[in-house]
C-alpha atoms as a PDB file:
ATOM      1  CA  MET A   1     -32.801 -14.301-107.818  1.00  0.00           C
ATOM      2  CA  ALA A   2     -32.767 -16.349-104.778  1.00  0.00           C
ATOM      3  CA  PRO A   3     -35.684 -17.539-102.971  1.00  0.00           C
ATOM      4  CA  THR A   4     -36.730 -15.830 -99.645  1.00  0.00           C
ATOM      5  CA  ASN A   5     -35.464 -17.717 -96.696  1.00  0.00           C
ATOM      6  CA  PRO A   6     -38.394 -19.907 -94.989  1.00  0.00           C
ATOM      7  CA  LEU A   7     -40.437 -18.224 -92.600  1.00  0.00           C
ATOM      8  CA  THR A   8     -39.316 -20.805 -89.891  1.00  0.00           C
ATOM      9  CA  GLN A   9     -35.538 -20.009 -90.681  1.00  0.00           C
ATOM     10  CA  GLN A  10     -36.357 -16.097 -90.273  1.00  0.00           C
ATOM     11  CA  VAL A  11     -38.138 -16.797 -86.763  1.00  0.00           C
ATOM     12  CA  ILE A  12     -35.212 -18.851 -85.494  1.00  0.00           C
ATOM     13  CA  GLU A  13     -33.043 -15.916 -86.888  1.00  0.00           C
ATOM     14  CA  ARG A  14     -34.902 -13.336 -85.132  1.00  0.00           C
ATOM     15  CA  VAL A  15     -34.644 -15.251 -81.848  1.00  0.00           C
ATOM     16  CA  ILE A  16     -30.852 -15.414 -82.357  1.00  0.00           C
ATOM     17  CA  THR A  17     -31.014 -11.944 -83.000  1.00  0.00           C
ATOM     18  CA  VAL A  18     -32.840 -10.925 -79.473  1.00  0.00           C
ATOM     19  CA  LEU A  19     -30.626 -13.336 -77.637  1.00  0.00           C
ATOM     20  CA  GLU A  20     -27.633 -11.652 -78.841  1.00  0.00           C
ATOM     21  CA  ASP A  21     -29.070  -8.427 -77.895  1.00  0.00           C
ATOM     22  CA  ILE A  22     -29.424  -9.373 -74.266  1.00  0.00           C
ATOM     23  CA  THR A  23     -27.246  -6.994 -72.159  1.00  0.00           C
ATOM     24  CA  ALA A  24     -26.907  -7.267 -68.414  1.00  0.00           C
ATOM     25  CA  GLY A  25     -28.419  -4.381 -66.613  1.00  0.00           C
ATOM     26  CA  ASP A  26     -31.401  -3.032 -65.400  1.00  0.00           C
ATOM     27  CA  ASP A  27     -33.597  -5.733 -67.496  1.00  0.00           C
ATOM     28  CA  PHE A  28     -31.375  -8.724 -67.757  1.00  0.00           C
ATOM     29  CA  PHE A  29     -29.109 -10.583 -65.825  1.00  0.00           C
ATOM     30  CA  TYR A  30     -26.386 -11.754 -68.144  1.00  0.00           C
ATOM     31  CA  THR A  31     -24.869 -10.854 -71.511  1.00  0.00           C
ATOM     32  CA  PRO A  32     -24.481 -14.142 -73.589  1.00  0.00           C
ATOM     33  CA  PHE A  33     -20.989 -15.060 -74.229  1.00  0.00           C
ATOM     34  CA  ALA A  34     -22.389 -16.545 -77.648  1.00  0.00           C
ATOM     35  CA  VAL A  35     -25.605 -17.330 -79.399  1.00  0.00           C
ATOM     36  CA  ILE A  36     -24.763 -20.251 -82.072  1.00  0.00           C
ATOM     37  CA  LYS A  37     -26.788 -22.493 -84.295  1.00  0.00           C
ATOM     38  CA  ARG A  38     -24.905 -25.555 -83.230  1.00  0.00           C
ATOM     39  CA  TYR A  39     -24.907 -28.092 -80.492  1.00  0.00           C
ATOM     40  CA  VAL A  40     -21.220 -28.312 -78.152  1.00  0.00           C
ATOM     41  CA  HIS A  41     -20.609 -30.666 -75.741  1.00  0.00           C
ATOM     42  CA  TRP A  42     -19.982 -29.011 -72.323  1.00  0.00           C
ATOM     43  CA  ARG A  43     -16.071 -29.777 -72.243  1.00  0.00           C
ATOM     44  CA  GLU A  44     -15.915 -28.004 -75.725  1.00  0.00           C
ATOM     45  CA  ALA A  45     -18.328 -25.256 -74.848  1.00  0.00           C
ATOM     46  CA  ARG A  46     -17.142 -21.804 -74.325  1.00  0.00           C
ATOM     47  CA  PHE A  47     -18.652 -19.647 -71.621  1.00  0.00           C
ATOM     48  CA  THR A  48     -17.783 -17.664 -68.729  1.00  0.00           C
ATOM     49  CA  ALA A  49     -19.144 -17.376 -65.131  1.00  0.00           C
ATOM     50  CA  THR A  50     -21.175 -14.275 -66.076  1.00  0.00           C
ATOM     51  CA  LYS A  51     -21.592 -14.877 -69.436  1.00  0.00           C
ATOM     52  CA  PRO A  52     -23.724 -18.012 -70.422  1.00  0.00           C
ATOM     53  CA  LEU A  53     -23.624 -19.835 -73.788  1.00  0.00           C
ATOM     54  CA  TYR A  54     -27.146 -20.355 -75.809  1.00  0.00           C
ATOM     55  CA  MET A  55     -27.602 -22.930 -78.736  1.00  0.00           C
ATOM     56  CA  VAL A  56     -30.688 -22.388 -80.809  1.00  0.00           C
ATOM     57  CA  PHE A  57     -32.245 -25.070 -83.111  1.00  0.00           C
ATOM     58  CA  ARG A  58     -35.687 -25.961 -84.782  1.00  0.00           C
ATOM     59  CA  ASP A  59     -36.807 -28.967 -82.360  1.00  0.00           C
ATOM     60  CA  SER A  60     -38.755 -32.084 -83.125  1.00  0.00           C
ATOM     61  CA  GLY A  61     -42.461 -31.993 -83.063  1.00  0.00           C
ATOM     62  CA  GLY A  62     -45.304 -30.031 -84.191  1.00  0.00           C
ATOM     63  CA  VAL A  63     -48.073 -30.142 -86.751  1.00  0.00           C
ATOM     64  CA  ILE A  64     -49.301 -28.391 -90.025  1.00  0.00           C
ATOM     65  CA  THR A  65     -52.750 -27.976 -90.662  1.00  0.00           C
ATOM     66  CA  ALA A  66     -54.714 -26.836 -93.743  1.00  0.00           C
ATOM     67  CA  ILE A  67     -56.587 -23.640 -92.840  1.00  0.00           C
ATOM     68  CA  GLY A  68     -57.516 -22.384 -96.182  1.00  0.00           C
ATOM     69  CA  GLU A  69     -57.038 -23.020 -99.794  1.00  0.00           C
ATOM     70  CA  ASN A  70     -53.223 -22.979-100.230  1.00  0.00           C
ATOM     71  CA  LEU A  71     -53.027 -21.871 -96.908  1.00  0.00           C
ATOM     72  CA  TYR A  72     -51.437 -23.552 -93.703  1.00  0.00           C
ATOM     73  CA  CYS A  73     -50.668 -23.152 -90.226  1.00  0.00           C
ATOM     74  CA  GLU A  74     -47.544 -24.880 -89.158  1.00  0.00           C
ATOM     75  CA  ASP A  75     -47.168 -25.006 -85.206  1.00  0.00           C
ATOM     76  CA  TYR A  76     -43.412 -26.153 -84.303  1.00  0.00           C
ATOM     77  CA  PHE A  77     -40.893 -25.720 -81.620  1.00  0.00           C
ATOM     78  CA  ILE A  78     -37.491 -24.067 -81.370  1.00  0.00           C
ATOM     79  CA  ASN A  79     -35.138 -25.099 -78.557  1.00  0.00           C
ATOM     80  CA  ILE A  80     -32.741 -23.169 -76.655  1.00  0.00           C
ATOM     81  CA  LYS A  81     -29.998 -24.878 -75.030  1.00  0.00           C
ATOM     82  CA  GLY A  82     -27.833 -23.155 -72.404  1.00  0.00           C
ATOM     83  CA  TYR A  83     -24.644 -23.561 -70.472  1.00  0.00           C
ATOM     84  CA  VAL A  84     -24.061 -21.583 -67.352  1.00  0.00           C
ATOM     85  CA  GLN A  85     -21.205 -21.854 -65.136  1.00  0.00           C
ATOM     86  CA  ASP A  86     -20.832 -21.265 -61.357  1.00  0.00           C
ATOM     87  CA  PRO A  87     -18.573 -23.414 -58.930  1.00  0.00           C
ATOM     88  CA  SER A  88     -20.915 -23.223 -55.705  1.00  0.00           C
ATOM     89  CA  ASP A  89     -24.395 -22.305 -57.166  1.00  0.00           C
ATOM     90  CA  THR A  90     -25.359 -23.176 -60.636  1.00  0.00           C
ATOM     91  CA  VAL A  91     -29.281 -23.358 -59.629  1.00  0.00           C
ATOM     92  CA  THR A  92     -29.295 -19.290 -59.330  1.00  0.00           C
ATOM     93  CA  LYS A  93     -27.446 -18.940 -62.875  1.00  0.00           C
ATOM     94  CA  LEU A  94     -29.651 -21.420 -64.394  1.00  0.00           C
ATOM     95  CA  GLU A  95     -32.795 -19.534 -63.305  1.00  0.00           C
ATOM     96  CA  ARG A  96     -31.776 -16.303 -63.802  1.00  0.00           C
ATOM     97  CA  ALA A  97     -30.634 -17.497 -67.584  1.00  0.00           C
ATOM     98  CA  ILE A  98     -33.892 -18.972 -68.088  1.00  0.00           C
ATOM     99  CA  ARG A  99     -35.644 -16.050 -66.992  1.00  0.00           C
ATOM    100  CA  ASP A 100     -33.733 -13.867 -69.284  1.00  0.00           C
ATOM    101  CA  ILE A 101     -34.653 -15.965 -72.315  1.00  0.00           C
ATOM    102  CA  LYS A 102     -38.324 -15.988 -71.375  1.00  0.00           C
ATOM    103  CA  LYS A 103     -38.333 -12.210 -70.955  1.00  0.00           C
ATOM    104  CA  VAL A 104     -36.499 -11.291 -74.135  1.00  0.00           C
ATOM    105  CA  ILE A 105     -38.697 -13.863 -76.286  1.00  0.00           C
ATOM    106  CA  ASN A 106     -41.991 -12.599 -74.474  1.00  0.00           C
ATOM    107  CA  ASP A 107     -40.899  -8.860 -75.111  1.00  0.00           C
ATOM    108  CA  ASP A 108     -40.402  -9.506 -78.680  1.00  0.00           C
ATOM    109  CA  SER A 109     -43.196 -11.499 -79.369  1.00  0.00           C
ATOM    110  CA  LYS A 110     -45.482  -8.556 -78.476  1.00  0.00           C
ATOM    111  CA  GLY A 111     -43.421  -6.123 -81.108  1.00  0.00           C
ATOM    112  CA  GLU A 112     -45.475  -4.613 -83.776  1.00  0.00           C
ATOM    113  CA  THR A 113     -42.312  -3.605 -85.678  1.00  0.00           C
ATOM    114  CA  VAL A 114     -41.529  -5.633 -88.804  1.00  0.00           C
ATOM    115  CA  GLY A 115     -39.268  -8.439 -88.100  1.00  0.00           C
ATOM    116  CA  THR A 116     -39.883  -9.001 -84.726  1.00  0.00           C
ATOM    117  CA  LEU A 117     -41.169 -12.144 -83.462  1.00  0.00           C
ATOM    118  CA  GLY A 118     -44.876 -10.418 -83.012  1.00  0.00           C
ATOM    119  CA  THR A 119     -44.748  -9.750 -86.869  1.00  0.00           C
ATOM    120  CA  LEU A 120     -42.964 -12.680 -88.203  1.00  0.00           C
ATOM    121  CA  ALA A 121     -45.245 -15.404 -86.234  1.00  0.00           C
ATOM    122  CA  ALA A 122     -49.063 -15.642 -85.752  1.00  0.00           C
ATOM    123  CA  ALA A 123     -48.032 -16.691 -81.946  1.00  0.00           C
ATOM    124  CA  VAL A 124     -44.705 -17.360 -80.068  1.00  0.00           C
ATOM    125  CA  THR A 125     -45.305 -18.723 -76.582  1.00  0.00           C
ATOM    126  CA  ILE A 126     -43.399 -20.684 -73.915  1.00  0.00           C
ATOM    127  CA  GLU A 127     -45.975 -23.638 -72.624  1.00  0.00           C
ATOM    128  CA  GLU A 128     -43.355 -25.598 -70.748  1.00  0.00           C
ATOM    129  CA  PRO A 129     -40.771 -25.167 -67.991  1.00  0.00           C
ATOM    130  CA  PRO A 130     -37.347 -26.154 -69.107  1.00  0.00           C
ATOM    131  CA  GLU A 131     -35.638 -29.574 -68.956  1.00  0.00           C
ATOM    132  CA  THR A 132     -32.150 -29.290 -66.819  1.00  0.00           C
ATOM    133  CA  ASP A 133     -29.345 -31.552 -66.178  1.00  0.00           C
ATOM    134  CA  ASN A 134     -30.911 -31.878 -62.363  1.00  0.00           C
ATOM    135  CA  GLY A 135     -27.555 -30.971 -61.081  1.00  0.00           C
ATOM    136  CA  TYR A 136     -25.547 -33.654 -62.555  1.00  0.00           C
ATOM    137  CA  LEU A 137     -23.018 -31.061 -64.155  1.00  0.00           C
ATOM    138  CA  SER A 138     -22.875 -29.247 -60.880  1.00  0.00           C
ATOM    139  CA  LEU A 139     -19.931 -31.274 -59.751  1.00  0.00           C
ATOM    140  CA  GLU A 140     -18.131 -29.552 -62.815  1.00  0.00           C
ATOM    141  CA  GLY A 141     -19.491 -26.030 -61.873  1.00  0.00           C
ATOM    142  CA  ILE A 142     -21.879 -26.001 -64.744  1.00  0.00           C
ATOM    143  CA  GLY A 143     -25.614 -26.152 -65.414  1.00  0.00           C
ATOM    144  CA  PHE A 144     -27.431 -27.009 -68.581  1.00  0.00           C
ATOM    145  CA  PHE A 145     -30.996 -26.327 -69.685  1.00  0.00           C
ATOM    146  CA  ASP A 146     -33.220 -26.895 -72.561  1.00  0.00           C
ATOM    147  CA  GLN A 147     -36.032 -24.352 -73.191  1.00  0.00           C
ATOM    148  CA  ARG A 148     -38.615 -25.060 -75.858  1.00  0.00           C
ATOM    149  CA  ILE A 149     -40.502 -22.189 -77.671  1.00  0.00           C
ATOM    150  CA  ARG A 150     -43.826 -23.096 -79.471  1.00  0.00           C
ATOM    151  CA  VAL A 151     -44.151 -21.121 -82.821  1.00  0.00           C
ATOM    152  CA  ARG A 152     -47.197 -20.742 -84.973  1.00  0.00           C
ATOM    153  CA  ILE A 153     -46.985 -19.496 -88.442  1.00  0.00           C
ATOM    154  CA  ASP A 154     -49.375 -19.220 -91.257  1.00  0.00           C
ATOM    155  CA  GLY A 155     -48.779 -19.197 -95.022  1.00  0.00           C
ATOM    156  CA  ASP A 156     -48.203 -21.357 -98.206  1.00  0.00           C
ATOM    157  CA  PHE A 157     -45.547 -23.778 -98.711  1.00  0.00           C
ATOM    158  CA  GLY A 158     -43.394 -20.976-100.362  1.00  0.00           C
ATOM    159  CA  GLU A 159     -43.386 -19.215 -97.668  1.00  0.00           C
ATOM    160  CA  LEU A 160     -43.292 -21.844 -94.552  1.00  0.00           C
END
């Protein structure tokens, strides 16, 4: 029998799932073109003017703290990078895509259904604003952002 996926991976997979489930309409601005687990250069990236591309990774940093006998708290970051496209106004596209991400992560972190971020993690928070390309790619009609999400999970090293 294969081991259970690490809790860190389960959280990343859940983030990908909730991003993939975003649908433009009453609650969200854009339906993603794709949500992937690899970084692509903007020249290789596939997205459209109405559908951003999101890339999800575990980010550097964090800390592991012993909180009991064979029980640990791992505090780490997930990074969502994204590309948006608009030949005349990448700022609006960036802000709306970032807002969609913040909303879907926040909503799922309140979830009480098994498998939601609210049940997988002790805490999921967005504690810092995103980094952006500062307009450098706007000459290409593209905007890039990098949003970190802080995650705290508890368990033993067989679970984490």
